[in-house]
Each structure stands twice: as C-alpha cells, then as structure tokens.
C-alpha cells in the first residue's frame, strides 16, 4: 500500500520516489506526490522527513525535520 496523504481540501496524494542523474553526473533520489499511485509509489514516509502542505494550493511536499 502506497503512502497516502489527504490534504485540507480532501484530495488524496500518493508519495513516489525516483532515482535521477544530475547534470554533474551524481545520482540522487527525489520524492514527489501524485494523485494516482503508480509503479514508483513508496510504502512509507522516509526517515527524517515530514509532510508540509502549501496553504494556497494544498499540494503536499516533503521537508527535512
């Protein structure tokens, strides 16, 4: 089951992660929320992060503690 966050407007968002290669050549894992749970969905919130919601749009993002 993918990690789900319901925002203040009642919309469900699912957490995803992906490995990307930066222009410097370094690999980095990114996290993002989407309305539909896909193949990249993550089962739990990564350690050291909290979910913060944009008050104007309601879009959730991850923030380091």
N, C-alpha and C. Protein backbone atom coordinates (compact mmCIF):
# COMPACT_ATOMS: atom_id res chain seq x y z
N UNK A 1 0.85 -1.19 0.00
CA UNK A 1 0.00 0.00 0.00
C UNK A 1 0.89 1.24 0.00
N UNK A 2 0.64 2.13 -0.89
CA UNK A 2 1.43 3.35 -1.03
C UNK A 2 1.08 4.34 0.10
N UNK A 3 2.09 5.18 0.46
CA UNK A 3 1.86 6.20 1.49
C UNK A 3 0.90 7.24 0.92
N UNK A 4 -0.20 7.50 1.65
CA UNK A 4 -1.23 8.43 1.19
C UNK A 4 -1.34 9.59 2.16
N UNK A 5 -1.45 10.79 1.60
CA UNK A 5 -1.67 12.00 2.40
C UNK A 5 -2.93 12.67 1.86
N UNK A 6 -3.86 12.95 2.75
CA UNK A 6 -5.08 13.68 2.38
C UNK A 6 -4.90 15.12 2.80
N UNK A 7 -5.00 16.04 1.84
CA UNK A 7 -4.77 17.45 2.14
C UNK A 7 -6.01 18.08 2.77
N UNK A 8 -5.92 19.35 3.09
CA UNK A 8 -7.00 20.06 3.77
C UNK A 8 -8.25 20.19 2.90
N UNK A 9 -8.11 20.03 1.59
CA UNK A 9 -9.25 20.12 0.67
C UNK A 9 -9.90 18.76 0.43
N UNK A 10 -9.33 17.70 1.04
CA UNK A 10 -9.91 16.38 0.91
C UNK A 10 -9.40 15.57 -0.27
N UNK A 11 -8.34 16.02 -0.92
CA UNK A 11 -7.77 15.32 -2.08
C UNK A 11 -6.64 14.41 -1.61
N UNK A 12 -6.64 13.17 -2.09
CA UNK A 12 -5.61 12.20 -1.73
C UNK A 12 -4.42 12.31 -2.67
N UNK A 13 -3.21 12.29 -2.09
CA UNK A 13 -1.96 12.30 -2.84
C UNK A 13 -1.11 11.14 -2.38
N UNK A 14 -0.41 10.49 -3.33
CA UNK A 14 0.43 9.34 -3.04
C UNK A 14 1.89 9.70 -3.27
N UNK A 15 2.75 9.24 -2.34
CA UNK A 15 4.17 9.55 -2.39
C UNK A 15 4.89 8.60 -3.34
N UNK A 16 5.75 9.17 -4.21
CA UNK A 16 6.55 8.42 -5.17
C UNK A 16 8.02 8.80 -5.01
N UNK A 17 8.91 7.93 -5.47
CA UNK A 17 10.33 8.25 -5.48
C UNK A 17 10.94 7.77 -6.78
N UNK A 18 12.05 8.41 -7.15
CA UNK A 18 12.71 8.09 -8.40
C UNK A 18 14.19 8.43 -8.27
N UNK A 19 15.06 7.60 -8.86
CA UNK A 19 16.49 7.90 -8.95
C UNK A 19 16.72 8.70 -10.22
N UNK A 20 17.36 9.85 -10.09
CA UNK A 20 17.67 10.70 -11.24
C UNK A 20 19.17 10.97 -11.28
N UNK A 21 19.67 11.23 -12.47
CA UNK A 21 21.07 11.59 -12.65
C UNK A 21 21.13 13.10 -12.87
N UNK A 22 21.87 13.78 -12.00
CA UNK A 22 22.02 15.23 -12.12
C UNK A 22 23.01 15.58 -13.23
N UNK A 23 23.04 16.82 -13.64
CA UNK A 23 23.97 17.25 -14.69
C UNK A 23 25.42 17.03 -14.30
N UNK A 24 25.69 17.04 -13.01
CA UNK A 24 27.05 16.80 -12.54
C UNK A 24 27.42 15.32 -12.64
N UNK A 25 26.46 14.47 -12.95
CA UNK A 25 26.71 13.05 -13.06
C UNK A 25 26.36 12.27 -11.81
N UNK A 26 26.01 12.96 -10.74
CA UNK A 26 25.70 12.33 -9.47
C UNK A 26 24.27 11.79 -9.49
N UNK A 27 24.07 10.61 -8.88
CA UNK A 27 22.74 10.03 -8.74
C UNK A 27 22.08 10.58 -7.47
N UNK A 28 20.78 10.89 -7.55
CA UNK A 28 20.06 11.39 -6.38
C UNK A 28 18.63 10.88 -6.41
N UNK A 29 18.10 10.54 -5.24
CA UNK A 29 16.72 10.09 -5.13
C UNK A 29 15.84 11.31 -4.87
N UNK A 30 14.77 11.44 -5.66
CA UNK A 30 13.81 12.52 -5.46
C UNK A 30 12.48 11.92 -5.02
N UNK A 31 11.71 12.69 -4.28
CA UNK A 31 10.39 12.29 -3.82
C UNK A 31 9.38 13.30 -4.34
N UNK A 32 8.20 12.79 -4.74
CA UNK A 32 7.15 13.68 -5.24
C UNK A 32 5.79 13.06 -4.96
N UNK A 33 4.75 13.88 -4.93
CA UNK A 33 3.39 13.43 -4.70
C UNK A 33 2.61 13.47 -6.01
N UNK A 34 1.73 12.49 -6.20
CA UNK A 34 0.86 12.43 -7.37
C UNK A 34 -0.52 11.99 -6.91
N UNK A 35 -1.54 12.32 -7.68
CA UNK A 35 -2.91 11.98 -7.32
C UNK A 35 -3.21 10.50 -7.52
N UNK A 36 -2.44 9.83 -8.39
CA UNK A 36 -2.65 8.41 -8.67
C UNK A 36 -1.42 7.63 -8.24
N UNK A 37 -1.61 6.52 -7.54
CA UNK A 37 -0.49 5.68 -7.11
C UNK A 37 0.03 4.91 -8.32
N UNK A 38 1.30 5.10 -8.64
CA UNK A 38 1.91 4.43 -9.78
C UNK A 38 2.92 3.39 -9.35
N UNK A 39 3.73 2.94 -10.30
CA UNK A 39 4.73 1.90 -10.05
C UNK A 39 5.84 2.39 -9.13
N UNK A 40 6.09 3.71 -9.09
CA UNK A 40 7.15 4.29 -8.27
C UNK A 40 6.70 4.63 -6.85
N UNK A 41 5.48 4.22 -6.48
CA UNK A 41 4.91 4.59 -5.18
C UNK A 41 5.73 4.00 -4.03
N UNK A 42 5.83 4.78 -2.96
CA UNK A 42 6.60 4.41 -1.76
C UNK A 42 5.62 3.98 -0.68
N UNK A 43 5.96 2.92 0.06
CA UNK A 43 5.06 2.40 1.09
C UNK A 43 5.05 3.21 2.37
N UNK A 44 6.15 3.88 2.70
CA UNK A 44 6.20 4.64 3.95
C UNK A 44 6.99 5.92 3.76
N UNK A 45 6.77 6.84 4.67
CA UNK A 45 7.46 8.13 4.66
C UNK A 45 8.94 7.91 4.99
N UNK A 46 9.88 8.47 4.21
CA UNK A 46 11.30 8.27 4.52
C UNK A 46 11.67 8.92 5.85
N UNK A 47 12.66 8.33 6.53
CA UNK A 47 13.09 8.83 7.82
C UNK A 47 13.67 10.23 7.73
N UNK A 48 13.35 11.06 8.71
CA UNK A 48 13.88 12.41 8.75
C UNK A 48 13.08 13.42 7.94
N UNK A 49 11.92 13.02 7.41
CA UNK A 49 11.10 13.93 6.61
C UNK A 49 9.71 14.06 7.22
N UNK A 50 9.08 15.21 7.00
CA UNK A 50 7.68 15.43 7.36
C UNK A 50 6.95 15.96 6.14
N UNK A 51 5.64 15.83 6.15
CA UNK A 51 4.82 16.34 5.05
C UNK A 51 4.35 17.74 5.40
N UNK A 52 4.58 18.67 4.48
CA UNK A 52 4.14 20.07 4.64
C UNK A 52 3.24 20.39 3.46
N UNK A 53 2.15 21.08 3.74
CA UNK A 53 1.18 21.40 2.69
C UNK A 53 1.26 22.89 2.35
N UNK A 54 1.22 23.19 1.05
CA UNK A 54 1.17 24.57 0.60
C UNK A 54 -0.21 25.11 0.96
N UNK A 55 -0.30 26.17 1.76
CA UNK A 55 -1.62 26.64 2.20
C UNK A 55 -2.51 27.17 1.08
N UNK A 56 -1.91 27.66 0.02
CA UNK A 56 -2.71 28.23 -1.06
C UNK A 56 -3.23 27.17 -2.02
N UNK A 57 -2.35 26.22 -2.42
CA UNK A 57 -2.75 25.22 -3.42
C UNK A 57 -3.13 23.88 -2.81
N UNK A 58 -2.68 23.59 -1.59
CA UNK A 58 -2.97 22.32 -0.96
C UNK A 58 -2.05 21.20 -1.39
N UNK A 59 -1.03 21.50 -2.20
CA UNK A 59 -0.10 20.49 -2.68
C UNK A 59 0.87 20.10 -1.57
N UNK A 60 0.97 18.81 -1.24
CA UNK A 60 1.91 18.39 -0.19
C UNK A 60 3.33 18.27 -0.74
N UNK A 61 4.30 18.54 0.11
CA UNK A 61 5.72 18.36 -0.22
C UNK A 61 6.41 17.78 1.00
N UNK A 62 7.59 17.21 0.79
CA UNK A 62 8.39 16.68 1.90
C UNK A 62 9.37 17.74 2.36
N UNK A 63 9.58 17.81 3.67
CA UNK A 63 10.52 18.74 4.25
C UNK A 63 11.36 17.98 5.27
N UNK A 64 12.67 18.24 5.29
CA UNK A 64 13.53 17.61 6.28
C UNK A 64 13.22 18.17 7.65
N UNK A 65 13.26 17.28 8.66
CA UNK A 65 12.97 17.70 10.04
C UNK A 65 14.06 18.59 10.57
